[in-house]
Structures are given as C-alpha cells and as structure tokens.
Amino acid sequence: MCRGAPAGTLTTRNLMVPWKGSRKVEREGWLSLRKSAEANWAQARADYATAVTLLDAGVYYASVFFSQQAAEKALRAANIEKTGKNPKGHNLIQMSNNLDAPLEVMNAAAELNPEFLGARNPESADGVPAQLYDRRSARMHLRAAQTIVDWIKSII
C-alpha cells in the first residue's frame, strides 16, 4: 500500500486499483460485461446489414464474412448476457452449445464457423476468397446468420 492511497486500494506505478475482491470491482465488472453485451448486439445488427448490402453489391466473399461476424457477435452478446462471461475465441458451435441452442441454430453455426478465416484468408481457403464465393453461397450464409440473429433476439 502506498502513502496517501485510500484503504482498500493497491497502487501500481501511481495508479490506484481497487482490490479484486471489492464490491466496487464486481459491480464495475458486471456493468462492463453488460456494456459489452449491448455493444456486441448492436454490432451484430450492423454486421448483418453490411452482409446484406455486400450481397446486393455482388461482393460475395465479404458478405459471407460479415454474415459470420453478425452471428458471432450475436452469440457473444447472448453468452455474456446468459452466462456472465465473454467467450474466448471465434467458435460459433461452442458459443451456441453454451446457450443450449436448438438444432437449427447449431446447424447454422456449423455452416458459418469456418468462414471466420475462409472468407478472408487465402491460406485457409485454399484459394482467393474473392473468387470462391458466388451469390448462392452468400445467400445461404446470410440465411444462416439470420437464423442465429433471430433466435438470439428471441432469447435476450
């Protein structure tokens, strides 16, 4: 403890940090998670709208990527809301499983799961992502994202 620091704080490089066990940190942690859930949900809706716009513009690989991102952020928001934890990684199947998602949502998650890398990374896609996706594929991925986003909307 440093001279002049209020009781219940530790100081590191002149920064006062409340003890991890304090109620203030617990409350701030909960508020931070709540804000994170809200931010992820808002971004999920924006990413979904972006996926629609890119599909309409014929930029299919990017539409697929934003479909995956919409689903991931919606699932992340629901996981934070329901479990109080921000899931690590990008595994949509695991995030869906954490929520006891119905089979339709699990199938949509499985469809979108590889697109985190595949829709933007030539090494993961075994080719140029911009040349690997067509309108039909982009629409299928967008429907999968919509399945997840609609289900999340119904549970949070």
C-alpha atoms as a PDB file:
ATOM      1  CA  MET A   1       0.000   0.000   0.000  1.00  0.00           C
ATOM      2  CA  CYS A   2       1.242   3.470  -0.812  1.00  0.00           C
ATOM      3  CA  ARG A   3       1.142   6.513   1.485  1.00  0.00           C
ATOM      4  CA  GLY A   4      -1.885   8.661   0.649  1.00  0.00           C
ATOM      5  CA  ALA A   5      -3.804   5.862  -1.056  1.00  0.00           C
ATOM      6  CA  PRO A   6      -7.261   5.172   0.386  1.00  0.00           C
ATOM      7  CA  ALA A   7      -7.720   1.960   2.323  1.00  0.00           C
ATOM      8  CA  GLY A   8      -8.730  -0.944   0.096  1.00  0.00           C
ATOM      9  CA  THR A   9      -6.544   0.043  -2.842  1.00  0.00           C
ATOM     10  CA  LEU A  10      -3.264  -1.174  -4.197  1.00  0.00           C
ATOM     11  CA  THR A  11      -1.059   1.104  -6.211  1.00  0.00           C
ATOM     12  CA  THR A  12       0.990   0.215  -9.247  1.00  0.00           C
ATOM     13  CA  ARG A  13       3.038   2.940 -10.932  1.00  0.00           C
ATOM     14  CA  ASN A  14       0.946   5.557  -9.153  1.00  0.00           C
ATOM     15  CA  LEU A  15      -2.285   4.050 -10.483  1.00  0.00           C
ATOM     16  CA  MET A  16      -4.779   3.245  -7.770  1.00  0.00           C
ATOM     17  CA  VAL A  17      -6.515  -0.071  -8.421  1.00  0.00           C
ATOM     18  CA  PRO A  18      -9.282  -1.392  -6.122  1.00  0.00           C
ATOM     19  CA  TRP A  19      -8.713  -4.858  -4.697  1.00  0.00           C
ATOM     20  CA  LYS A  20     -10.135  -7.526  -6.933  1.00  0.00           C
ATOM     21  CA  GLY A  21     -12.435  -8.793  -4.182  1.00  0.00           C
ATOM     22  CA  SER A  22     -14.103  -5.452  -3.592  1.00  0.00           C
ATOM     23  CA  ARG A  23     -17.769  -4.891  -4.353  1.00  0.00           C
ATOM     24  CA  LYS A  24     -16.899  -1.881  -6.498  1.00  0.00           C
ATOM     25  CA  VAL A  25     -14.836  -4.018  -8.879  1.00  0.00           C
ATOM     26  CA  GLU A  26     -17.578  -6.668  -9.016  1.00  0.00           C
ATOM     27  CA  ARG A  27     -20.197  -4.016  -9.856  1.00  0.00           C
ATOM     28  CA  GLU A  28     -17.916  -2.374 -12.424  1.00  0.00           C
ATOM     29  CA  GLY A  29     -17.150  -5.796 -13.917  1.00  0.00           C
ATOM     30  CA  TRP A  30     -20.857  -6.545 -14.277  1.00  0.00           C
ATOM     31  CA  LEU A  31     -21.533  -3.136 -15.843  1.00  0.00           C
ATOM     32  CA  SER A  32     -18.603  -3.653 -18.181  1.00  0.00           C
ATOM     33  CA  LEU A  33     -19.985  -7.055 -19.246  1.00  0.00           C
ATOM     34  CA  ARG A  34     -23.433  -5.531 -19.725  1.00  0.00           C
ATOM     35  CA  LYS A  35     -21.991  -2.808 -21.951  1.00  0.00           C
ATOM     36  CA  SER A  36     -20.014  -5.424 -23.861  1.00  0.00           C
ATOM     37  CA  ALA A  37     -23.169  -7.481 -24.449  1.00  0.00           C
ATOM     38  CA  GLU A  38     -25.038  -4.408 -25.671  1.00  0.00           C
ATOM     39  CA  ALA A  39     -22.152  -3.356 -27.922  1.00  0.00           C
ATOM     40  CA  ASN A  40     -21.836  -6.845 -29.419  1.00  0.00           C
ATOM     41  CA  TRP A  41     -25.591  -6.989 -30.078  1.00  0.00           C
ATOM     42  CA  ALA A  42     -25.549  -3.571 -31.771  1.00  0.00           C
ATOM     43  CA  GLN A  43     -22.537  -4.570 -33.878  1.00  0.00           C
ATOM     44  CA  ALA A  44     -24.183  -7.886 -34.800  1.00  0.00           C
ATOM     45  CA  ARG A  45     -27.117  -5.992 -36.295  1.00  0.00           C
ATOM     46  CA  ALA A  46     -24.777  -3.620 -38.129  1.00  0.00           C
ATOM     47  CA  ASP A  47     -22.705  -6.529 -39.475  1.00  0.00           C
ATOM     48  CA  TYR A  48     -25.879  -8.253 -40.678  1.00  0.00           C
ATOM     49  CA  ALA A  49     -26.947  -5.087 -42.525  1.00  0.00           C
ATOM     50  CA  THR A  50     -23.453  -4.878 -44.039  1.00  0.00           C
ATOM     51  CA  ALA A  51     -23.703  -8.504 -45.209  1.00  0.00           C
ATOM     52  CA  VAL A  52     -26.999  -7.701 -46.961  1.00  0.00           C
ATOM     53  CA  THR A  53     -25.516  -4.605 -48.622  1.00  0.00           C
ATOM     54  CA  LEU A  54     -22.445  -6.525 -49.811  1.00  0.00           C
ATOM     55  CA  LEU A  55     -24.609  -9.349 -51.175  1.00  0.00           C
ATOM     56  CA  ASP A  56     -26.658  -6.816 -53.139  1.00  0.00           C
ATOM     57  CA  ALA A  57     -23.415  -5.237 -54.420  1.00  0.00           C
ATOM     58  CA  GLY A  58     -22.067  -8.615 -55.580  1.00  0.00           C
ATOM     59  CA  VAL A  59     -19.155  -8.681 -53.136  1.00  0.00           C
ATOM     60  CA  TYR A  60     -19.919 -12.222 -52.060  1.00  0.00           C
ATOM     61  CA  TYR A  61     -16.846 -13.192 -50.052  1.00  0.00           C
ATOM     62  CA  ALA A  62     -17.225 -10.077 -47.889  1.00  0.00           C
ATOM     63  CA  SER A  63     -20.946 -10.747 -47.450  1.00  0.00           C
ATOM     64  CA  VAL A  64     -20.088 -14.235 -46.185  1.00  0.00           C
ATOM     65  CA  PHE A  65     -17.517 -12.829 -43.758  1.00  0.00           C
ATOM     66  CA  PHE A  66     -19.935 -10.242 -42.386  1.00  0.00           C
ATOM     67  CA  SER A  67     -22.612 -12.926 -42.062  1.00  0.00           C
ATOM     68  CA  GLN A  68     -20.200 -14.904 -39.885  1.00  0.00           C
ATOM     69  CA  GLN A  69     -19.361 -11.788 -37.899  1.00  0.00           C
ATOM     70  CA  ALA A  70     -23.040 -10.961 -37.308  1.00  0.00           C
ATOM     71  CA  ALA A  71     -23.635 -14.461 -35.974  1.00  0.00           C
ATOM     72  CA  GLU A  72     -20.505 -14.401 -33.813  1.00  0.00           C
ATOM     73  CA  LYS A  73     -21.307 -11.073 -32.195  1.00  0.00           C
ATOM     74  CA  ALA A  74     -24.946 -12.024 -31.600  1.00  0.00           C
ATOM     75  CA  LEU A  75     -23.846 -15.282 -29.961  1.00  0.00           C
ATOM     76  CA  ARG A  76     -21.194 -13.442 -27.954  1.00  0.00           C
ATOM     77  CA  ALA A  77     -23.797 -10.945 -26.696  1.00  0.00           C
ATOM     78  CA  ALA A  78     -26.127 -13.761 -25.646  1.00  0.00           C
ATOM     79  CA  ASN A  79     -23.311 -15.698 -23.957  1.00  0.00           C
ATOM     80  CA  ILE A  80     -22.325 -12.621 -21.958  1.00  0.00           C
ATOM     81  CA  GLU A  81     -25.963 -11.961 -21.059  1.00  0.00           C
ATOM     82  CA  LYS A  82     -26.768 -15.554 -20.077  1.00  0.00           C
ATOM     83  CA  THR A  83     -23.513 -16.771 -18.520  1.00  0.00           C
ATOM     84  CA  GLY A  84     -21.857 -13.564 -17.328  1.00  0.00           C
ATOM     85  CA  LYS A  85     -18.732 -14.484 -19.291  1.00  0.00           C
ATOM     86  CA  ASN A  86     -17.296 -13.258 -22.570  1.00  0.00           C
ATOM     87  CA  PRO A  87     -16.452 -16.389 -24.559  1.00  0.00           C
ATOM     88  CA  LYS A  88     -12.909 -16.675 -25.847  1.00  0.00           C
ATOM     89  CA  GLY A  89     -12.213 -17.375 -29.482  1.00  0.00           C
ATOM     90  CA  HIS A  90     -14.476 -17.483 -32.502  1.00  0.00           C
ATOM     91  CA  ASN A  91     -16.072 -20.927 -32.303  1.00  0.00           C
ATOM     92  CA  LEU A  92     -19.755 -20.415 -33.139  1.00  0.00           C
ATOM     93  CA  ILE A  93     -20.589 -24.041 -32.396  1.00  0.00           C
ATOM     94  CA  GLN A  94     -19.190 -23.791 -28.876  1.00  0.00           C
ATOM     95  CA  MET A  95     -20.951 -20.466 -28.263  1.00  0.00           C
ATOM     96  CA  SER A  96     -24.250 -21.962 -29.475  1.00  0.00           C
ATOM     97  CA  ASN A  97     -23.735 -25.035 -27.331  1.00  0.00           C
ATOM     98  CA  ASN A  98     -23.170 -22.833 -24.258  1.00  0.00           C
ATOM     99  CA  LEU A  99     -26.676 -21.473 -24.830  1.00  0.00           C
ATOM    100  CA  ASP A 100     -28.323 -24.860 -25.415  1.00  0.00           C
ATOM    101  CA  ALA A 101     -29.263 -23.672 -28.894  1.00  0.00           C
ATOM    102  CA  PRO A 102     -31.817 -25.627 -30.921  1.00  0.00           C
ATOM    103  CA  LEU A 103     -30.650 -27.862 -33.770  1.00  0.00           C
ATOM    104  CA  GLU A 104     -31.463 -25.268 -36.450  1.00  0.00           C
ATOM    105  CA  VAL A 105     -29.184 -22.737 -34.750  1.00  0.00           C
ATOM    106  CA  MET A 106     -26.450 -25.337 -34.221  1.00  0.00           C
ATOM    107  CA  ASN A 107     -26.583 -26.193 -37.939  1.00  0.00           C
ATOM    108  CA  ALA A 108     -26.371 -22.512 -38.880  1.00  0.00           C
ATOM    109  CA  ALA A 109     -23.387 -22.090 -36.543  1.00  0.00           C
ATOM    110  CA  ALA A 110     -21.675 -25.103 -38.126  1.00  0.00           C
ATOM    111  CA  GLU A 111     -22.227 -23.621 -41.589  1.00  0.00           C
ATOM    112  CA  LEU A 112     -20.748 -20.249 -40.632  1.00  0.00           C
ATOM    113  CA  ASN A 113     -17.977 -21.430 -38.304  1.00  0.00           C
ATOM    114  CA  PRO A 114     -15.188 -21.915 -40.890  1.00  0.00           C
ATOM    115  CA  GLU A 115     -15.894 -18.577 -42.586  1.00  0.00           C
ATOM    116  CA  PHE A 116     -14.087 -16.595 -39.886  1.00  0.00           C
ATOM    117  CA  LEU A 117     -10.891 -17.445 -41.738  1.00  0.00           C
ATOM    118  CA  GLY A 118     -12.091 -18.948 -45.017  1.00  0.00           C
ATOM    119  CA  ALA A 119     -13.855 -15.869 -46.317  1.00  0.00           C
ATOM    120  CA  ARG A 120     -10.831 -13.630 -45.906  1.00  0.00           C
ATOM    121  CA  ASN A 121      -7.662 -15.688 -45.775  1.00  0.00           C
ATOM    122  CA  PRO A 122      -6.244 -17.347 -48.933  1.00  0.00           C
ATOM    123  CA  GLU A 123      -4.216 -19.839 -46.881  1.00  0.00           C
ATOM    124  CA  SER A 124      -7.333 -21.039 -45.057  1.00  0.00           C
ATOM    125  CA  ALA A 125      -9.490 -21.025 -48.163  1.00  0.00           C
ATOM    126  CA  ASP A 126      -7.096 -22.858 -50.484  1.00  0.00           C
ATOM    127  CA  GLY A 127      -7.554 -20.061 -52.968  1.00  0.00           C
ATOM    128  CA  VAL A 128      -8.553 -16.440 -53.315  1.00  0.00           C
ATOM    129  CA  PRO A 129     -11.679 -15.866 -51.194  1.00  0.00           C
ATOM    130  CA  ALA A 130     -12.922 -13.184 -53.600  1.00  0.00           C
ATOM    131  CA  GLN A 131     -13.074 -15.862 -56.310  1.00  0.00           C
ATOM    132  CA  LEU A 132     -14.513 -18.721 -54.248  1.00  0.00           C
ATOM    133  CA  TYR A 133     -17.976 -17.447 -53.297  1.00  0.00           C
ATOM    134  CA  ASP A 134     -20.988 -16.839 -55.508  1.00  0.00           C
ATOM    135  CA  ARG A 135     -24.427 -15.306 -54.952  1.00  0.00           C
ATOM    136  CA  ARG A 136     -25.976 -18.643 -53.968  1.00  0.00           C
ATOM    137  CA  SER A 137     -23.313 -19.288 -51.344  1.00  0.00           C
ATOM    138  CA  ALA A 138     -23.534 -15.753 -49.945  1.00  0.00           C
ATOM    139  CA  ARG A 139     -27.332 -16.031 -49.666  1.00  0.00           C
ATOM    140  CA  MET A 140     -27.013 -19.373 -47.867  1.00  0.00           C
ATOM    141  CA  HIS A 141     -24.579 -17.891 -45.338  1.00  0.00           C
ATOM    142  CA  LEU A 142     -26.768 -14.824 -44.885  1.00  0.00           C
ATOM    143  CA  ARG A 143     -29.759 -17.082 -44.113  1.00  0.00           C
ATOM    144  CA  ALA A 144     -27.636 -18.949 -41.559  1.00  0.00           C
ATOM    145  CA  ALA A 145     -26.712 -15.662 -39.898  1.00  0.00           C
ATOM    146  CA  GLN A 146     -30.345 -14.597 -39.908  1.00  0.00           C
ATOM    147  CA  THR A 147     -31.330 -17.854 -38.192  1.00  0.00           C
ATOM    148  CA  ILE A 148     -28.863 -17.162 -35.398  1.00  0.00           C
ATOM    149  CA  VAL A 149     -29.622 -13.451 -35.052  1.00  0.00           C
ATOM    150  CA  ASP A 150     -33.380 -14.079 -34.989  1.00  0.00           C
ATOM    151  CA  TRP A 151     -33.003 -16.770 -32.333  1.00  0.00           C
ATOM    152  CA  ILE A 152     -30.749 -14.571 -30.194  1.00  0.00           C
ATOM    153  CA  LYS A 153     -33.273 -11.740 -30.482  1.00  0.00           C
ATOM    154  CA  SER A 154     -35.938 -14.064 -29.106  1.00  0.00           C
ATOM    155  CA  ILE A 155     -33.914 -15.093 -26.031  1.00  0.00           C
ATOM    156  CA  ILE A 156     -32.325 -11.826 -24.865  1.00  0.00           C
END
